[in-house]
């Protein structure tokens, strides 16, 4: 009977440890996801697309945008520090870190005509189709 009790205790301990491990993994992924920038993708016309990326707390000079092969990659470094010094307390909340977001570009995007603008914590990218891929109207004679 001792073997049954010991096995039950061991099984309970393994289950408890597994649940704690899952909580740690969930918390880690939640933390990681909170550092990834959100992005909106939109098609504005037959010839242009746009991507908007939220980068709050990031300075324009801390953003790098590059196109390599068919990937548009945005690298940014956040260096945010909220510090409050009062007579009876001190508060310092910091959020530092580098993150990256990549988008696969289709072959019909003109990689030489990608435009970027940064305003109020949001990066605006405009992507234009190549001339040969733009929609063309055909007149009926």
Protein backbone atom coordinates (compact mmCIF):
# COMPACT_ATOMS: atom_id res chain seq x y z
CA UNK A 1 0.00 0.00 0.00
CA UNK A 2 2.92 2.38 0.58
CA UNK A 3 3.82 2.10 -3.09
CA UNK A 4 0.30 3.24 -4.09
CA UNK A 5 0.41 6.23 -1.73
CA UNK A 6 3.90 7.17 -2.87
CA UNK A 7 2.89 6.89 -6.53
CA UNK A 8 -0.17 9.07 -5.93
CA UNK A 9 1.94 11.73 -4.15
CA UNK A 10 4.47 11.65 -6.97
CA UNK A 11 1.74 11.98 -9.61
CA UNK A 12 0.21 14.92 -7.71
CA UNK A 13 3.63 16.60 -7.47
CA UNK A 14 4.28 16.11 -11.20
CA UNK A 15 0.86 17.58 -12.04
CA UNK A 16 1.42 20.57 -9.74
CA UNK A 17 4.88 21.20 -11.22
CA UNK A 18 3.48 20.93 -14.74
CA UNK A 19 0.76 23.48 -13.97
CA UNK A 20 3.33 25.90 -12.53
CA UNK A 21 5.53 25.45 -15.61
CA UNK A 22 2.60 26.20 -17.92
CA UNK A 23 1.87 29.38 -15.96
CA UNK A 24 5.50 30.49 -16.35
CA UNK A 25 5.41 29.76 -20.09
CA UNK A 26 2.12 31.66 -20.48
CA UNK A 27 3.48 34.63 -18.56
CA UNK A 28 6.64 34.61 -20.67
CA UNK A 29 4.69 34.60 -23.94
CA UNK A 30 2.35 37.33 -22.68
CA UNK A 31 5.40 39.44 -21.80
CA UNK A 32 6.98 38.78 -25.20
CA UNK A 33 3.76 39.62 -27.05
CA UNK A 34 3.46 42.91 -25.17
CA UNK A 35 6.80 43.98 -26.67
CA UNK A 36 5.90 43.23 -30.28
CA UNK A 37 4.59 46.19 -32.22
CA UNK A 38 1.05 45.95 -33.55
CA UNK A 39 0.62 46.51 -37.28
CA UNK A 40 -2.25 47.33 -39.59
CA UNK A 41 -2.10 46.39 -43.27
CA UNK A 42 -4.38 47.94 -45.86
CA UNK A 43 -4.87 48.11 -49.62
CA UNK A 44 -5.72 51.67 -50.61
CA UNK A 45 -6.03 51.35 -54.35
CA UNK A 46 -5.07 49.07 -57.19
CA UNK A 47 -1.55 50.48 -57.02
CA UNK A 48 -0.71 51.08 -53.33
CA UNK A 49 -0.67 49.31 -49.98
CA UNK A 50 0.07 50.69 -46.55
CA UNK A 51 1.44 49.33 -43.31
CA UNK A 52 1.04 51.16 -40.02
CA UNK A 53 3.18 49.99 -37.09
CA UNK A 54 2.64 51.16 -33.50
CA UNK A 55 5.96 52.13 -31.92
CA UNK A 56 5.10 54.11 -28.77
CA UNK A 57 8.10 55.33 -26.80
CA UNK A 58 10.45 54.89 -29.76
CA UNK A 59 12.40 57.80 -31.25
CA UNK A 60 12.64 58.20 -35.02
CA UNK A 61 16.44 57.79 -34.92
CA UNK A 62 16.03 54.41 -33.15
CA UNK A 63 14.13 52.87 -36.08
CA UNK A 64 15.77 50.97 -38.94
CA UNK A 65 13.85 49.86 -42.01
CA UNK A 66 15.42 47.58 -44.59
CA UNK A 67 14.39 45.48 -47.55
CA UNK A 68 16.29 42.29 -48.22
CA UNK A 69 15.15 39.77 -50.78
CA UNK A 70 11.35 39.84 -50.40
CA UNK A 71 11.29 40.88 -46.73
CA UNK A 72 10.63 44.32 -45.32
CA UNK A 73 12.08 44.39 -41.80
CA UNK A 74 11.55 47.03 -39.15
CA UNK A 75 14.00 47.06 -36.24
CA UNK A 76 13.47 49.46 -33.37
CA UNK A 77 14.85 50.10 -29.92
CA UNK A 78 12.63 51.39 -27.16
CA UNK A 79 14.39 53.41 -24.46
CA UNK A 80 11.54 54.53 -22.23
CA UNK A 81 12.06 55.67 -18.68
CA UNK A 82 9.34 57.20 -16.51
CA UNK A 83 10.96 58.60 -13.40
CA UNK A 84 9.18 60.52 -10.65
CA UNK A 85 11.05 61.94 -7.68
CA UNK A 86 8.99 63.35 -4.84
CA UNK A 87 9.79 64.18 -1.23
CA UNK A 88 8.29 60.99 0.15
CA UNK A 89 8.64 58.53 -2.72
CA UNK A 90 10.55 57.60 -5.83
CA UNK A 91 9.07 55.82 -8.87
CA UNK A 92 11.03 54.57 -11.83
CA UNK A 93 9.39 52.47 -14.55
CA UNK A 94 11.56 51.57 -17.50
CA UNK A 95 10.88 49.75 -20.70
CA UNK A 96 14.00 49.04 -22.72
CA UNK A 97 14.52 46.61 -25.51
CA UNK A 98 14.96 45.92 -29.18
CA UNK A 99 12.31 44.34 -31.30
CA UNK A 100 11.86 43.44 -34.92
CA UNK A 101 8.93 42.88 -37.22
CA UNK A 102 9.17 41.49 -40.75
CA UNK A 103 6.70 41.42 -43.61
CA UNK A 104 7.03 39.26 -46.71
CA UNK A 105 6.61 41.35 -49.85
CA UNK A 106 5.06 39.96 -52.98
CA UNK A 107 6.94 40.22 -56.24
CA UNK A 108 4.63 42.97 -57.47
CA UNK A 109 5.90 45.54 -54.90
CA UNK A 110 8.36 48.13 -56.18
CA UNK A 111 11.06 47.90 -53.51
CA UNK A 112 12.61 51.21 -54.66
CA UNK A 113 9.42 53.17 -54.01
CA UNK A 114 8.69 52.32 -50.38
CA UNK A 115 8.07 55.47 -48.36
CA UNK A 116 8.19 55.82 -44.58
CA UNK A 117 6.88 58.49 -42.23
CA UNK A 118 7.00 58.51 -38.43
CA UNK A 119 4.49 60.54 -36.46
CA UNK A 120 3.20 60.40 -32.86
CA UNK A 121 4.54 56.91 -32.12
CA UNK A 122 3.29 55.37 -35.35
CA UNK A 123 5.31 54.37 -38.41
CA UNK A 124 3.48 54.76 -41.73
CA UNK A 125 4.80 52.82 -44.74
CA UNK A 126 3.46 53.19 -48.26
CA UNK A 127 4.22 50.44 -50.75
CA UNK A 128 3.62 50.83 -54.45
CA UNK A 129 3.06 48.11 -57.02
CA UNK A 130 5.44 47.81 -59.97
CA UNK A 131 4.18 49.48 -63.16
CA UNK A 132 3.61 46.17 -64.92
CA UNK A 133 1.41 44.87 -62.07
CA UNK A 134 -0.86 47.92 -61.69
CA UNK A 135 -4.42 47.53 -62.84
CA UNK A 136 -5.09 49.09 -66.21
CA UNK A 137 -8.39 50.13 -67.70
CA UNK A 138 -9.02 49.10 -71.24
CA UNK A 139 -11.18 51.30 -73.40
CA UNK A 140 -13.76 49.60 -75.57
CA UNK A 141 -13.68 50.76 -79.20
